[in-house]
C-alpha cells in the first residue's frame, strides 16, 4: 500500500495488486477484514456495495500519493480531482 486516507464517507487507497490476484478478490479481502475490525468499535458499520478502481502509470505514483494524503484539504476547498473520486453505488 502506497497511500491510505479515510474520509467520513469514503476511503482512498493507492495500492499495488499483483496480476495473479483479481481486483474483486483483493477488495473482498480488504472490506471483509476491515469490516470485522471496525464493527468491534462501531457495531452498525457496513461498507457500501461496489467500489471504484482506476489504474495509473508508475510515474504518477507521487502525484496520486500526495492527492490521497491531502484529502481533507481537497474536500474543504472543493479542489477535488474528478478522475480520482470515482463513486459507484
N, C-alpha and C. Protein backbone atom coordinates (compact mmCIF):
# COMPACT_ATOMS: atom_id res chain seq x y z
N UNK A 1 0.85 -1.17 0.00
CA UNK A 1 0.00 0.00 0.00
C UNK A 1 0.89 1.23 0.00
N UNK A 2 0.62 2.11 -0.95
CA UNK A 2 1.41 3.33 -1.08
C UNK A 2 0.79 4.50 -0.33
N UNK A 3 -0.55 4.51 -0.22
CA UNK A 3 -1.23 5.60 0.48
C UNK A 3 -2.62 5.12 0.90
N UNK A 4 -3.09 5.69 2.01
CA UNK A 4 -4.42 5.39 2.54
C UNK A 4 -4.92 6.63 3.27
N UNK A 5 -6.17 7.01 3.01
CA UNK A 5 -6.78 8.11 3.74
C UNK A 5 -8.27 7.84 3.82
N UNK A 6 -8.79 7.92 5.04
CA UNK A 6 -10.20 7.65 5.28
C UNK A 6 -10.95 8.95 5.53
N UNK A 7 -11.98 9.17 4.75
CA UNK A 7 -12.87 10.31 4.96
C UNK A 7 -14.11 9.79 5.68
N UNK A 8 -15.02 10.69 6.00
CA UNK A 8 -16.26 10.32 6.69
C UNK A 8 -17.05 9.25 5.95
N UNK A 9 -17.11 9.38 4.63
CA UNK A 9 -17.99 8.51 3.87
C UNK A 9 -17.30 7.73 2.75
N UNK A 10 -15.97 7.79 2.70
CA UNK A 10 -15.25 7.01 1.69
C UNK A 10 -13.78 6.87 2.06
N UNK A 11 -13.13 5.96 1.37
CA UNK A 11 -11.71 5.68 1.61
C UNK A 11 -10.98 5.75 0.28
N UNK A 12 -9.79 6.33 0.30
CA UNK A 12 -8.91 6.32 -0.85
C UNK A 12 -7.71 5.45 -0.50
N UNK A 13 -7.40 4.50 -1.39
CA UNK A 13 -6.23 3.65 -1.22
C UNK A 13 -5.45 3.64 -2.52
N UNK A 14 -4.16 3.69 -2.38
CA UNK A 14 -3.28 3.54 -3.53
C UNK A 14 -2.45 2.30 -3.23
N UNK A 15 -2.72 1.24 -3.98
CA UNK A 15 -2.03 0.00 -3.71
C UNK A 15 -1.68 -0.74 -4.98
N UNK A 16 -0.73 -1.62 -4.84
CA UNK A 16 -0.30 -2.47 -5.93
C UNK A 16 -0.99 -3.81 -5.78
N UNK A 17 -1.63 -4.27 -6.84
CA UNK A 17 -2.27 -5.58 -6.84
C UNK A 17 -1.54 -6.43 -7.88
N UNK A 18 -0.91 -7.51 -7.44
CA UNK A 18 -0.21 -8.38 -8.41
C UNK A 18 -1.18 -8.92 -9.45
N UNK A 19 -0.70 -9.13 -10.65
CA UNK A 19 -1.55 -9.59 -11.76
C UNK A 19 -2.22 -10.93 -11.47
N UNK A 20 -1.64 -11.74 -10.60
CA UNK A 20 -2.22 -13.06 -10.31
C UNK A 20 -3.45 -12.97 -9.42
N UNK A 21 -3.73 -11.79 -8.85
CA UNK A 21 -4.91 -11.59 -8.00
C UNK A 21 -5.91 -10.70 -8.72
N UNK A 22 -7.17 -11.04 -8.61
CA UNK A 22 -8.19 -10.18 -9.21
C UNK A 22 -8.48 -9.00 -8.28
N UNK A 23 -8.89 -7.89 -8.87
CA UNK A 23 -9.27 -6.71 -8.08
C UNK A 23 -10.41 -7.08 -7.14
N UNK A 24 -11.40 -7.81 -7.64
CA UNK A 24 -12.56 -8.20 -6.81
C UNK A 24 -12.12 -9.00 -5.59
N UNK A 25 -11.17 -9.91 -5.78
CA UNK A 25 -10.67 -10.72 -4.67
C UNK A 25 -10.02 -9.83 -3.61
N UNK A 26 -9.15 -8.92 -4.03
CA UNK A 26 -8.44 -8.04 -3.10
C UNK A 26 -9.42 -7.14 -2.35
N UNK A 27 -10.39 -6.56 -3.06
CA UNK A 27 -11.38 -5.70 -2.41
C UNK A 27 -12.20 -6.50 -1.41
N UNK A 28 -12.57 -7.71 -1.78
CA UNK A 28 -13.32 -8.58 -0.87
C UNK A 28 -12.53 -8.83 0.42
N UNK A 29 -11.26 -9.12 0.30
CA UNK A 29 -10.40 -9.35 1.47
C UNK A 29 -10.29 -8.07 2.31
N UNK A 30 -10.04 -6.95 1.65
CA UNK A 30 -9.90 -5.67 2.37
C UNK A 30 -11.18 -5.28 3.10
N UNK A 31 -12.30 -5.36 2.40
CA UNK A 31 -13.58 -4.99 3.02
C UNK A 31 -13.94 -5.97 4.14
N UNK A 32 -13.72 -7.24 3.91
CA UNK A 32 -14.07 -8.25 4.91
C UNK A 32 -13.28 -8.12 6.19
N UNK A 33 -11.96 -8.04 6.07
CA UNK A 33 -11.13 -7.96 7.28
C UNK A 33 -11.29 -6.62 8.00
N UNK A 34 -11.40 -5.53 7.25
CA UNK A 34 -11.56 -4.23 7.90
C UNK A 34 -12.95 -4.12 8.53
N UNK A 35 -13.95 -4.68 7.90
CA UNK A 35 -15.30 -4.65 8.46
C UNK A 35 -15.33 -5.35 9.81
N UNK A 36 -14.66 -6.47 9.90
CA UNK A 36 -14.61 -7.22 11.16
C UNK A 36 -14.00 -6.36 12.27
N UNK A 37 -12.91 -5.67 11.96
CA UNK A 37 -12.24 -4.83 12.95
C UNK A 37 -13.07 -3.60 13.32
N UNK A 38 -13.64 -2.95 12.32
CA UNK A 38 -14.41 -1.73 12.57
C UNK A 38 -15.68 -2.02 13.36
N UNK A 39 -16.33 -3.15 13.07
CA UNK A 39 -17.56 -3.49 13.79
C UNK A 39 -17.32 -3.73 15.27
N UNK A 40 -16.10 -4.06 15.66
CA UNK A 40 -15.77 -4.21 17.08
C UNK A 40 -15.87 -2.86 17.79
N UNK A 41 -15.63 -1.79 17.04
CA UNK A 41 -15.68 -0.43 17.60
C UNK A 41 -17.02 0.23 17.33
N UNK A 42 -17.55 0.02 16.14
CA UNK A 42 -18.79 0.65 15.69
C UNK A 42 -19.72 -0.43 15.12
N UNK A 43 -20.55 -1.07 15.98
CA UNK A 43 -21.36 -2.22 15.56
C UNK A 43 -22.26 -2.00 14.35
N UNK A 44 -22.71 -0.80 14.08
CA UNK A 44 -23.61 -0.54 12.96
C UNK A 44 -22.91 -0.34 11.63
N UNK A 45 -21.59 -0.46 11.60
CA UNK A 45 -20.83 -0.18 10.39
C UNK A 45 -21.12 -1.21 9.30
N UNK A 46 -21.16 -0.72 8.05
CA UNK A 46 -21.17 -1.61 6.90
C UNK A 46 -20.63 -0.85 5.70
N UNK A 47 -19.95 -1.56 4.82
CA UNK A 47 -19.44 -0.97 3.59
C UNK A 47 -20.58 -0.83 2.59
N UNK A 48 -20.50 0.16 1.73
CA UNK A 48 -21.47 0.28 0.65
C UNK A 48 -21.21 -0.81 -0.37
N UNK A 49 -22.18 -1.06 -1.22
CA UNK A 49 -22.00 -2.02 -2.30
C UNK A 49 -21.06 -1.40 -3.33
N UNK A 50 -20.22 -2.19 -3.91
CA UNK A 50 -19.37 -1.74 -5.00
C UNK A 50 -18.12 -1.01 -4.56
N UNK A 51 -17.38 -0.56 -5.55
CA UNK A 51 -16.14 0.16 -5.34
C UNK A 51 -15.71 0.77 -6.67
N UNK A 52 -14.81 1.72 -6.61
CA UNK A 52 -14.27 2.32 -7.81
C UNK A 52 -12.78 2.02 -7.90
N UNK A 53 -12.32 1.75 -9.10
CA UNK A 53 -10.91 1.41 -9.31
C UNK A 53 -10.41 2.13 -10.56
N UNK A 54 -9.18 2.58 -10.49
CA UNK A 54 -8.53 3.12 -11.67
C UNK A 54 -7.08 2.65 -11.67
N UNK A 55 -6.46 2.67 -12.81
CA UNK A 55 -5.06 2.29 -12.90
C UNK A 55 -4.24 3.53 -13.21
N UNK A 56 -2.94 3.45 -12.98
CA UNK A 56 -2.08 4.59 -13.27
C UNK A 56 -0.68 4.11 -13.63
N UNK A 57 0.06 5.04 -14.21
CA UNK A 57 1.46 4.76 -14.54
C UNK A 57 2.31 4.88 -13.28
N UNK A 58 3.38 4.12 -13.22
CA UNK A 58 4.29 4.19 -12.07
C UNK A 58 4.77 5.63 -11.84
N UNK A 59 4.97 6.37 -12.92
CA UNK A 59 5.45 7.75 -12.81
C UNK A 59 4.43 8.67 -12.14
N UNK A 60 3.15 8.25 -12.09
CA UNK A 60 2.11 9.05 -11.45
C UNK A 60 1.95 8.76 -9.95
N UNK A 61 2.68 7.77 -9.44
CA UNK A 61 2.56 7.41 -8.02
C UNK A 61 2.71 8.60 -7.08
N UNK A 62 3.77 9.42 -7.20
CA UNK A 62 3.93 10.53 -6.27
C UNK A 62 2.77 11.54 -6.31
N UNK A 63 2.23 11.78 -7.50
CA UNK A 63 1.12 12.73 -7.64
C UNK A 63 -0.12 12.21 -6.94
N UNK A 64 -0.44 10.94 -7.15
CA UNK A 64 -1.64 10.35 -6.56
C UNK A 64 -1.45 10.17 -5.05
N UNK A 65 -0.25 9.81 -4.61
CA UNK A 65 0.03 9.70 -3.18
C UNK A 65 -0.25 11.04 -2.49
N UNK A 66 0.25 12.10 -3.06
CA UNK A 66 0.06 13.43 -2.47
C UNK A 66 -1.43 13.79 -2.45
N UNK A 67 -2.13 13.49 -3.52
CA UNK A 67 -3.57 13.77 -3.58
C UNK A 67 -4.30 13.04 -2.46
N UNK A 68 -4.00 11.78 -2.27
CA UNK A 68 -4.67 10.99 -1.22
C UNK A 68 -4.31 11.52 0.16
N UNK A 69 -3.06 11.85 0.38
CA UNK A 69 -2.63 12.36 1.68
C UNK A 69 -3.30 13.69 2.03
N UNK A 70 -3.74 14.45 1.02
CA UNK A 70 -4.34 15.76 1.24
C UNK A 70 -5.85 15.76 1.05
N UNK A 71 -6.51 14.64 1.28
CA UNK A 71 -7.96 14.53 1.07
C UNK A 71 -8.76 15.58 1.83
N UNK A 72 -8.44 15.80 3.09
CA UNK A 72 -9.20 16.78 3.88
C UNK A 72 -9.18 18.14 3.21
N UNK A 73 -8.02 18.56 2.75
CA UNK A 73 -7.88 19.86 2.08
C UNK A 73 -8.70 19.90 0.79
N UNK A 74 -8.63 18.85 -0.01
CA UNK A 74 -9.37 18.82 -1.28
C UNK A 74 -10.88 18.92 -1.05
N UNK A 75 -11.37 18.27 -0.02
CA UNK A 75 -12.80 18.31 0.24
C UNK A 75 -13.23 19.64 0.85
N UNK A 76 -12.38 20.25 1.66
CA UNK A 76 -12.70 21.55 2.24
C UNK A 76 -12.69 22.65 1.19
N UNK A 77 -11.77 22.59 0.26
CA UNK A 77 -11.63 23.65 -0.74
C UNK A 77 -12.29 23.30 -2.07
N UNK A 78 -12.91 22.15 -2.11
CA UNK A 78 -13.57 21.66 -3.33
C UNK A 78 -12.62 21.61 -4.52
N UNK A 79 -11.36 21.28 -4.23
CA UNK A 79 -10.37 21.11 -5.30
C UNK A 79 -10.22 19.62 -5.62
N UNK A 80 -11.35 18.97 -5.77
CA UNK A 80 -11.40 17.53 -5.99
C UNK A 80 -11.08 17.21 -7.44
N UNK A 81 -10.24 16.22 -7.63
CA UNK A 81 -9.92 15.72 -8.98
C UNK A 81 -10.94 14.65 -9.31
N UNK A 82 -11.87 14.96 -10.19
CA UNK A 82 -12.98 14.05 -10.50
C UNK A 82 -12.52 12.64 -10.89
N UNK A 83 -11.44 12.53 -11.63
CA UNK A 83 -10.98 11.21 -12.06
C UNK A 83 -10.47 10.36 -10.89
N UNK A 84 -10.16 11.00 -9.76
CA UNK A 84 -9.68 10.25 -8.59
C UNK A 84 -10.78 10.11 -7.53
N UNK A 85 -11.96 10.58 -7.83
CA UNK A 85 -13.08 10.49 -6.90
C UNK A 85 -14.19 9.64 -7.50
N UNK A 86 -13.81 8.48 -8.01
CA UNK A 86 -14.78 7.57 -8.65
C UNK A 86 -15.75 7.07 -7.59
N UNK A 87 -17.01 7.05 -7.94
CA UNK A 87 -18.02 6.59 -6.99
C UNK A 87 -19.01 5.67 -7.70
N UNK A 88 -19.21 4.52 -7.14
CA UNK A 88 -20.18 3.56 -7.66
C UNK A 88 -21.11 3.18 -6.53
N UNK A 89 -22.40 3.14 -6.79
CA UNK A 89 -23.37 2.74 -5.76
C UNK A 89 -24.11 1.52 -6.24
